[in-house]
């Protein structure tokens, strides 16, 4: 998901890295702002992707509270209680 956007952001970051590598050019305030925005965008996109994948995951790491005990338990345990997801 969002592969094209992520690739474009990585290319832009790589161009900035090449520009700044080895002290060829000092980092400007604008460079830092651009790096910060691109890194934030990548992190946000990757988080969305991970959350999307997690919502489709039906494993035992997804937890919720038991209706009977109030304790946290895995979704696998919910199905034993008669609840289905």
PDB file of N, CA and C in Angstrom:
ATOM      1  N   UNK A   1       0.841  -1.176   0.000  1.00  0.00           N
ATOM      2  CA  UNK A   1       0.000   0.000   0.000  1.00  0.00           C
ATOM      3  C   UNK A   1       0.890   1.245   0.000  1.00  0.00           C
ATOM      4  N   UNK A   2       0.559   2.219  -0.780  1.00  0.00           N
ATOM      5  CA  UNK A   2       1.280   3.496  -0.881  1.00  0.00           C
ATOM      6  C   UNK A   2       2.724   3.327  -1.350  1.00  0.00           C
ATOM      7  N   UNK A   3       2.996   2.271  -2.131  1.00  0.00           N
ATOM      8  CA  UNK A   3       4.375   1.994  -2.545  1.00  0.00           C
ATOM      9  C   UNK A   3       4.973   3.145  -3.345  1.00  0.00           C
ATOM     10  N   UNK A   4       4.198   3.707  -4.273  1.00  0.00           N
ATOM     11  CA  UNK A   4       4.705   4.797  -5.115  1.00  0.00           C
ATOM     12  C   UNK A   4       5.091   6.021  -4.297  1.00  0.00           C
ATOM     13  N   UNK A   5       4.261   6.354  -3.330  1.00  0.00           N
ATOM     14  CA  UNK A   5       4.544   7.519  -2.478  1.00  0.00           C
ATOM     15  C   UNK A   5       5.793   7.251  -1.645  1.00  0.00           C
ATOM     16  N   UNK A   6       5.873   6.070  -1.062  1.00  0.00           N
ATOM     17  CA  UNK A   6       7.036   5.734  -0.229  1.00  0.00           C
ATOM     18  C   UNK A   6       8.322   5.743  -1.053  1.00  0.00           C
ATOM     19  N   UNK A   7       8.274   5.181  -2.255  1.00  0.00           N
ATOM     20  CA  UNK A   7       9.462   5.175  -3.109  1.00  0.00           C
ATOM     21  C   UNK A   7       9.901   6.592  -3.445  1.00  0.00           C
ATOM     22  N   UNK A   8       8.955   7.471  -3.749  1.00  0.00           N
ATOM     23  CA  UNK A   8       9.289   8.869  -4.061  1.00  0.00           C
ATOM     24  C   UNK A   8       9.923   9.549  -2.852  1.00  0.00           C
ATOM     25  N   UNK A   9       9.392   9.295  -1.672  1.00  0.00           N
ATOM     26  CA  UNK A   9       9.963   9.888  -0.463  1.00  0.00           C
ATOM     27  C   UNK A   9      11.370   9.359  -0.203  1.00  0.00           C
ATOM     28  N   UNK A  10      11.570   8.056  -0.393  1.00  0.00           N
ATOM     29  CA  UNK A  10      12.907   7.481  -0.214  1.00  0.00           C
ATOM     30  C   UNK A  10      13.902   8.081  -1.218  1.00  0.00           C
ATOM     31  N   UNK A  11      13.466   8.272  -2.463  1.00  0.00           N
ATOM     32  CA  UNK A  11      14.360   8.879  -3.470  1.00  0.00           C
ATOM     33  C   UNK A  11      14.752  10.293  -3.060  1.00  0.00           C
ATOM     34  N   UNK A  12      13.786  11.066  -2.594  1.00  0.00           N
ATOM     35  CA  UNK A  12      14.072  12.437  -2.155  1.00  0.00           C
ATOM     36  C   UNK A  12      15.036  12.440  -0.970  1.00  0.00           C
ATOM     37  N   UNK A  13      14.817  11.552  -0.027  1.00  0.00           N
ATOM     38  CA  UNK A  13      15.721  11.458   1.124  1.00  0.00           C
ATOM     39  C   UNK A  13      17.118  11.037   0.694  1.00  0.00           C
ATOM     40  N   UNK A  14      17.189  10.126  -0.270  1.00  0.00           N
ATOM     41  CA  UNK A  14      18.488   9.683  -0.779  1.00  0.00           C
ATOM     42  C   UNK A  14      19.226  10.830  -1.465  1.00  0.00           C
ATOM     43  N   UNK A  15      18.509  11.653  -2.215  1.00  0.00           N
ATOM     44  CA  UNK A  15      19.144  12.810  -2.871  1.00  0.00           C
ATOM     45  C   UNK A  15      19.676  13.785  -1.818  1.00  0.00           C
ATOM     46  N   UNK A  16      18.921  14.009  -0.762  1.00  0.00           N
ATOM     47  CA  UNK A  16      19.400  14.880   0.316  1.00  0.00           C
ATOM     48  C   UNK A  16      20.607  14.267   1.007  1.00  0.00           C
ATOM     49  N   UNK A  17      20.573  12.950   1.222  1.00  0.00           N
ATOM     50  CA  UNK A  17      21.702  12.268   1.848  1.00  0.00           C
ATOM     51  C   UNK A  17      22.961  12.411   1.002  1.00  0.00           C
ATOM     52  N   UNK A  18      22.819  12.220  -0.299  1.00  0.00           N
ATOM     53  CA  UNK A  18      23.963  12.374  -1.204  1.00  0.00           C
ATOM     54  C   UNK A  18      24.506  13.800  -1.159  1.00  0.00           C
ATOM     55  N   UNK A  19      23.614  14.781  -1.100  1.00  0.00           N
ATOM     56  CA  UNK A  19      24.024  16.186  -1.050  1.00  0.00           C
ATOM     57  C   UNK A  19      24.817  16.481   0.228  1.00  0.00           C
ATOM     58  N   UNK A  20      24.385  15.888   1.333  1.00  0.00           N
ATOM     59  CA  UNK A  20      24.981  16.201   2.635  1.00  0.00           C
ATOM     60  C   UNK A  20      26.128  15.260   3.010  1.00  0.00           C
ATOM     61  N   UNK A  21      26.252  14.161   2.300  1.00  0.00           N
ATOM     62  CA  UNK A  21      27.264  13.156   2.633  1.00  0.00           C
ATOM     63  C   UNK A  21      28.678  13.707   2.497  1.00  0.00           C
ATOM     64  N   UNK A  22      29.479  13.409   3.460  1.00  0.00           N
ATOM     65  CA  UNK A  22      30.876  13.805   3.421  1.00  0.00           C
ATOM     66  C   UNK A  22      31.111  15.290   3.620  1.00  0.00           C
ATOM     67  N   UNK A  23      30.110  15.998   4.093  1.00  0.00           N
ATOM     68  CA  UNK A  23      30.273  17.430   4.359  1.00  0.00           C
ATOM     69  C   UNK A  23      30.389  18.273   3.111  1.00  0.00           C
ATOM     70  N   UNK A  24      29.922  17.766   1.973  1.00  0.00           N
ATOM     71  CA  UNK A  24      29.997  18.519   0.720  1.00  0.00           C
ATOM     72  C   UNK A  24      29.249  19.839   0.828  1.00  0.00           C
ATOM     73  N   UNK A  25      28.119  19.791   1.499  1.00  0.00           N
ATOM     74  CA  UNK A  25      27.310  20.998   1.661  1.00  0.00           C
ATOM     75  C   UNK A  25      26.749  21.001   3.076  1.00  0.00           C
ATOM     76  N   UNK A  26      26.642  22.169   3.693  1.00  0.00           N
ATOM     77  CA  UNK A  26      26.058  22.224   5.032  1.00  0.00           C
ATOM     78  C   UNK A  26      24.543  21.998   4.953  1.00  0.00           C
ATOM     79  N   UNK A  27      23.981  21.465   6.026  1.00  0.00           N
ATOM     80  CA  UNK A  27      22.539  21.244   6.073  1.00  0.00           C
ATOM     81  C   UNK A  27      21.847  22.568   6.365  1.00  0.00           C
ATOM     82  N   UNK A  28      20.940  22.923   5.507  1.00  0.00           N
ATOM     83  CA  UNK A  28      20.193  24.163   5.712  1.00  0.00           C
ATOM     84  C   UNK A  28      18.952  23.892   6.563  1.00  0.00           C
ATOM     85  N   UNK A  29      18.347  24.952   7.026  1.00  0.00           N
ATOM     86  CA  UNK A  29      17.106  24.830   7.781  1.00  0.00           C
ATOM     87  C   UNK A  29      16.032  24.193   6.907  1.00  0.00           C
ATOM     88  N   UNK A  30      16.003  24.558   5.629  1.00  0.00           N
ATOM     89  CA  UNK A  30      15.029  23.986   4.700  1.00  0.00           C
ATOM     90  C   UNK A  30      15.265  22.491   4.501  1.00  0.00           C
ATOM     91  N   UNK A  31      16.545  22.093   4.423  1.00  0.00           N
ATOM     92  CA  UNK A  31      16.865  20.661   4.302  1.00  0.00           C
ATOM     93  C   UNK A  31      16.314  19.899   5.507  1.00  0.00           C
ATOM     94  N   UNK A  32      16.556  20.444   6.692  1.00  0.00           N
ATOM     95  CA  UNK A  32      16.089  19.791   7.910  1.00  0.00           C
ATOM     96  C   UNK A  32      14.566  19.698   7.942  1.00  0.00           C
ATOM     97  N   UNK A  33      13.883  20.743   7.535  1.00  0.00           N
ATOM     98  CA  UNK A  33      12.419  20.721   7.490  1.00  0.00           C
ATOM     99  C   UNK A  33      11.926  19.668   6.504  1.00  0.00           C
ATOM    100  N   UNK A  34      12.575  19.603   5.345  1.00  0.00           N
ATOM    101  CA  UNK A  34      12.184  18.608   4.343  1.00  0.00           C
ATOM    102  C   UNK A  34      12.406  17.187   4.850  1.00  0.00           C
ATOM    103  N   UNK A  35      13.544  16.950   5.470  1.00  0.00           N
ATOM    104  CA  UNK A  35      13.852  15.628   6.028  1.00  0.00           C
ATOM    105  C   UNK A  35      12.813  15.257   7.078  1.00  0.00           C
ATOM    106  N   UNK A  36      12.500  16.199   7.955  1.00  0.00           N
ATOM    107  CA  UNK A  36      11.535  15.949   9.017  1.00  0.00           C
ATOM    108  C   UNK A  36      10.157  15.609   8.441  1.00  0.00           C
ATOM    109  N   UNK A  37       9.715  16.369   7.461  1.00  0.00           N
ATOM    110  CA  UNK A  37       8.394  16.130   6.854  1.00  0.00           C
ATOM    111  C   UNK A  37       8.353  14.792   6.127  1.00  0.00           C
ATOM    112  N   UNK A  38       9.422  14.464   5.394  1.00  0.00           N
ATOM    113  CA  UNK A  38       9.436  13.202   4.658  1.00  0.00           C
ATOM    114  C   UNK A  38       9.500  12.013   5.618  1.00  0.00           C
ATOM    115  N   UNK A  39      10.312  12.127   6.658  1.00  0.00           N
ATOM    116  CA  UNK A  39      10.407  11.039   7.635  1.00  0.00           C
ATOM    117  C   UNK A  39       9.064  10.853   8.346  1.00  0.00           C
ATOM    118  N   UNK A  40       8.409  11.945   8.686  1.00  0.00           N
ATOM    119  CA  UNK A  40       7.105  11.867   9.333  1.00  0.00           C
ATOM    120  C   UNK A  40       6.079  11.224   8.397  1.00  0.00           C
ATOM    121  N   UNK A  41       6.093  11.610   7.132  1.00  0.00           N
ATOM    122  CA  UNK A  41       5.163  11.043   6.155  1.00  0.00           C
ATOM    123  C   UNK A  41       5.390   9.542   6.003  1.00  0.00           C
ATOM    124  N   UNK A  42       6.656   9.132   5.906  1.00  0.00           N
ATOM    125  CA  UNK A  42       6.959   7.707   5.788  1.00  0.00           C
ATOM    126  C   UNK A  42       6.473   6.942   7.012  1.00  0.00           C
ATOM    127  N   UNK A  43       6.741   7.494   8.189  1.00  0.00           N
ATOM    128  CA  UNK A  43       6.322   6.840   9.428  1.00  0.00           C
ATOM    129  C   UNK A  43       4.801   6.708   9.472  1.00  0.00           C
ATOM    130  N   UNK A  44       4.098   7.751   9.077  1.00  0.00           N
ATOM    131  CA  UNK A  44       2.635   7.720   9.080  1.00  0.00           C
ATOM    132  C   UNK A  44       2.093   6.681   8.101  1.00  0.00           C
ATOM    133  N   UNK A  45       2.670   6.637   6.901  1.00  0.00           N
ATOM    134  CA  UNK A  45       2.225   5.669   5.903  1.00  0.00           C
ATOM    135  C   UNK A  45       2.494   4.239   6.367  1.00  0.00           C
ATOM    136  N   UNK A  46       3.662   4.013   6.938  1.00  0.00           N
ATOM    137  CA  UNK A  46       4.001   2.681   7.424  1.00  0.00           C
ATOM    138  C   UNK A  46       3.112   2.284   8.595  1.00  0.00           C
ATOM    139  N   UNK A  47       2.746   3.245   9.444  1.00  0.00           N
ATOM    140  CA  UNK A  47       1.847   2.972  10.559  1.00  0.00           C
ATOM    141  C   UNK A  47       0.469   2.584  10.044  1.00  0.00           C
ATOM    142  N   UNK A  48      -0.029   3.324   9.056  1.00  0.00           N
ATOM    143  CA  UNK A  48      -1.328   2.988   8.451  1.00  0.00           C
ATOM    144  C   UNK A  48      -1.296   1.586   7.863  1.00  0.00           C
ATOM    145  N   UNK A  49      -0.212   1.284   7.178  1.00  0.00           N
ATOM    146  CA  UNK A  49      -0.059  -0.032   6.569  1.00  0.00           C
ATOM    147  C   UNK A  49      -0.055  -1.123   7.635  1.00  0.00           C
ATOM    148  N   UNK A  50       0.668  -0.892   8.732  1.00  0.00           N
ATOM    149  CA  UNK A  50       0.740  -1.882   9.807  1.00  0.00           C
ATOM    150  C   UNK A  50      -0.615  -2.048  10.490  1.00  0.00           C
ATOM    151  N   UNK A  51      -1.320  -0.945  10.688  1.00  0.00           N
ATOM    152  CA  UNK A  51      -2.633  -1.021  11.328  1.00  0.00           C
ATOM    153  C   UNK A  51      -3.621  -1.739  10.433  1.00  0.00           C
ATOM    154  N   UNK A  52      -3.532  -1.516   9.136  1.00  0.00           N
ATOM    155  CA  UNK A  52      -4.391  -2.215   8.182  1.00  0.00           C
ATOM    156  C   UNK A  52      -4.143  -3.708   8.257  1.00  0.00           C
ATOM    157  N   UNK A  53      -2.885  -4.087   8.287  1.00  0.00           N
ATOM    158  CA  UNK A  53      -2.531  -5.501   8.373  1.00  0.00           C
ATOM    159  C   UNK A  53      -2.954  -6.109   9.690  1.00  0.00           C
ATOM    160  N   UNK A  54      -2.867  -5.346  10.769  1.00  0.00           N
ATOM    161  CA  UNK A  54      -3.240  -5.856  12.083  1.00  0.00           C
ATOM    162  C   UNK A  54      -4.741  -6.086  12.178  1.00  0.00           C
ATOM    163  N   UNK A  55      -5.534  -5.250  11.517  1.00  0.00           N
ATOM    164  CA  UNK A  55      -6.987  -5.431  11.592  1.00  0.00           C
ATOM    165  C   UNK A  55      -7.417  -6.684  10.842  1.00  0.00           C
ATOM    166  N   UNK A  56      -6.618  -7.123   9.879  1.00  0.00           N
ATOM    167  CA  UNK A  56      -6.930  -8.342   9.147  1.00  0.00           C
ATOM    168  C   UNK A  56      -6.384  -9.566   9.863  1.00  0.00           C
ATOM    169  N   UNK A  57      -5.479  -9.344  10.806  1.00  0.00           N
ATOM    170  CA  UNK A  57      -4.845 -10.444  11.522  1.00  0.00           C
ATOM    171  C   UNK A  57      -5.813 -11.001  12.549  1.00  0.00           C
ATOM    172  N   UNK A  58      -5.898 -12.294  12.596  1.00  0.00           N
ATOM    173  CA  UNK A  58      -6.840 -12.908  13.511  1.00  0.00           C
ATOM    174  C   UNK A  58      -6.107 -13.748  14.545  1.00  0.00           C
ATOM    175  N   UNK A  59      -4.901 -13.349  14.902  1.00  0.00           N
ATOM    176  CA  UNK A  59      -4.089 -14.141  15.809  1.00  0.00           C
ATOM    177  C   UNK A  59      -4.345 -13.837  17.268  1.00  0.00           C
ATOM    178  N   UNK A  60      -3.593 -14.498  18.123  1.00  0.00           N
ATOM    179  CA  UNK A  60      -3.835 -14.411  19.554  1.00  0.00           C
ATOM    180  C   UNK A  60      -3.237 -13.169  20.192  1.00  0.00           C
ATOM    181  N   UNK A  61      -2.528 -12.332  19.417  1.00  0.00           N
ATOM    182  CA  UNK A  61      -1.954 -11.137  20.009  1.00  0.00           C
ATOM    183  C   UNK A  61      -2.986 -10.015  20.118  1.00  0.00           C
ATOM    184  N   UNK A  62      -4.082 -10.122  19.403  1.00  0.00           N
ATOM    185  CA  UNK A  62      -5.149  -9.130  19.512  1.00  0.00           C
ATOM    186  C   UNK A  62      -5.905  -9.424  20.797  1.00  0.00           C
ATOM    187  N   UNK A  63      -6.039  -8.406  21.652  1.00  0.00           N
ATOM    188  CA  UNK A  63      -6.628  -8.664  22.960  1.00  0.00           C
ATOM    189  C   UNK A  63      -7.834  -7.778  23.217  1.00  0.00           C
ATOM    190  N   UNK A  64      -8.635  -8.224  24.145  1.00  0.00           N
ATOM    191  CA  UNK A  64      -9.780  -7.463  24.604  1.00  0.00           C
ATOM    192  C   UNK A  64     -10.152  -7.964  25.985  1.00  0.00           C
ATOM    193  N   UNK A  65     -11.242  -7.450  26.541  1.00  0.00           N
ATOM    194  CA  UNK A  65     -11.661  -7.862  27.885  1.00  0.00           C
ATOM    195  C   UNK A  65     -12.714  -8.953  27.815  1.00  0.00           C
ATOM    196  N   UNK A  66     -12.623  -9.862  28.758  1.00  0.00           N
ATOM    197  CA  UNK A  66     -13.606 -10.924  28.889  1.00  0.00           C
ATOM    198  C   UNK A  66     -14.904 -10.342  29.419  1.00  0.00           C
ATOM    199  N   UNK A  67     -16.024 -10.802  28.890  1.00  0.00           N
ATOM    200  CA  UNK A  67     -17.318 -10.336  29.403  1.00  0.00           C
ATOM    201  C   UNK A  67     -17.588 -10.863  30.799  1.00  0.00           C
ATOM    202  N   UNK A  68     -17.089 -12.051  31.094  1.00  0.00           N
ATOM    203  CA  UNK A  68     -17.399 -12.664  32.382  1.00  0.00           C
ATOM    204  C   UNK A  68     -16.455 -12.235  33.496  1.00  0.00           C
ATOM    205  N   UNK A  69     -15.145 -12.142  33.207  1.00  0.00           N
ATOM    206  CA  UNK A  69     -14.182 -11.832  34.266  1.00  0.00           C
ATOM    207  C   UNK A  69     -13.664 -10.406  34.219  1.00  0.00           C
ATOM    208  N   UNK A  70     -13.769  -9.754  33.068  1.00  0.00           N
ATOM    209  CA  UNK A  70     -13.225  -8.409  32.930  1.00  0.00           C
ATOM    210  C   UNK A  70     -11.736  -8.389  32.668  1.00  0.00           C
ATOM    211  N   UNK A  71     -11.117  -9.557  32.675  1.00  0.00           N
ATOM    212  CA  UNK A  71      -9.673  -9.643  32.437  1.00  0.00           C
ATOM    213  C   UNK A  71      -9.372  -9.552  30.950  1.00  0.00           C
ATOM    214  N   UNK A  72      -8.144  -9.101  30.644  1.00  0.00           N
ATOM    215  CA  UNK A  72      -7.703  -9.091  29.251  1.00  0.00           C
ATOM    216  C   UNK A  72      -7.426 -10.515  28.806  1.00  0.00           C
ATOM    217  N   UNK A  73      -7.794 -10.787  27.563  1.00  0.00           N
ATOM    218  CA  UNK A  73      -7.540 -12.109  27.017  1.00  0.00           C
ATOM    219  C   UNK A  73      -7.404 -12.011  25.504  1.00  0.00           C
ATOM    220  N   UNK A  74      -6.889 -13.061  24.893  1.00  0.00           N
ATOM    221  CA  UNK A  74      -6.700 -13.045  23.438  1.00  0.00           C
ATOM    222  C   UNK A  74      -8.031 -13.255  22.738  1.00  0.00           C
ATOM    223  N   UNK A  75      -8.073 -12.940  21.442  1.00  0.00           N
ATOM    224  CA  UNK A  75      -9.298 -13.178  20.674  1.00  0.00           C
ATOM    225  C   UNK A  75      -9.605 -14.666  20.600  1.00  0.00           C
ATOM    226  N   UNK A  76      -8.569 -15.481  20.636  1.00  0.00           N
ATOM    227  CA  UNK A  76      -8.801 -16.931  20.617  1.00  0.00           C
ATOM    228  C   UNK A  76      -9.635 -17.343  21.817  1.00  0.00           C
ATOM    229  N   UNK A  77      -9.375 -16.724  22.956  1.00  0.00           N
ATOM    230  CA  UNK A  77     -10.132 -17.028  24.163  1.00  0.00           C
ATOM    231  C   UNK A  77     -11.575 -16.557  24.055  1.00  0.00           C
ATOM    232  N   UNK A  78     -11.800 -15.457  23.327  1.00  0.00           N
ATOM    233  CA  UNK A  78     -13.165 -14.956  23.150  1.00  0.00           C
ATOM    234  C   UNK A  78     -14.030 -15.982  22.436  1.00  0.00           C
ATOM    235  N   UNK A  79     -13.461 -16.643  21.436  1.00  0.00           N
ATOM    236  CA  UNK A  79     -14.261 -17.607  20.689  1.00  0.00           C
ATOM    237  C   UNK A  79     -14.689 -18.764  21.598  1.00  0.00           C
ATOM    238  N   UNK A  80     -13.897 -19.068  22.603  1.00  0.00           N
ATOM    239  CA  UNK A  80     -14.274 -20.109  23.560  1.00  0.00           C
ATOM    240  C   UNK A  80     -15.420 -19.637  24.446  1.00  0.00           C
ATOM    241  N   UNK A  81     -15.547 -18.332  24.608  1.00  0.00           N
ATOM    242  CA  UNK A  81     -16.636 -17.773  25.416  1.00  0.00           C
ATOM    243  C   UNK A  81     -17.913 -17.639  24.607  1.00  0.00           C
ATOM    244  N   UNK A  82     -17.837 -17.937  23.316  1.00  0.00           N
ATOM    245  CA  UNK A  82     -19.019 -17.840  22.478  1.00  0.00           C
ATOM    246  C   UNK A  82     -19.068 -16.548  21.673  1.00  0.00           C
ATOM    247  N   UNK A  83     -18.071 -15.704  21.825  1.00  0.00           N
ATOM    248  CA  UNK A  83     -18.005 -14.454  21.051  1.00  0.00           C
ATOM    249  C   UNK A  83     -17.197 -14.678  19.800  1.00  0.00           C
ATOM    250  N   UNK A  84     -17.618 -14.120  18.705  1.00  0.00           N
ATOM    251  CA  UNK A  84     -16.886 -14.290  17.454  1.00  0.00           C
ATOM    252  C   UNK A  84     -16.499 -12.943  16.895  1.00  0.00           C
ATOM    253  N   UNK A  85     -15.336 -12.935  16.223  1.00  0.00           N
ATOM    254  CA  UNK A  85     -14.859 -11.720  15.551  1.00  0.00           C
ATOM    255  C   UNK A  85     -14.739 -11.963  14.096  1.00  0.00           C
TER     256      UNK A  85
END
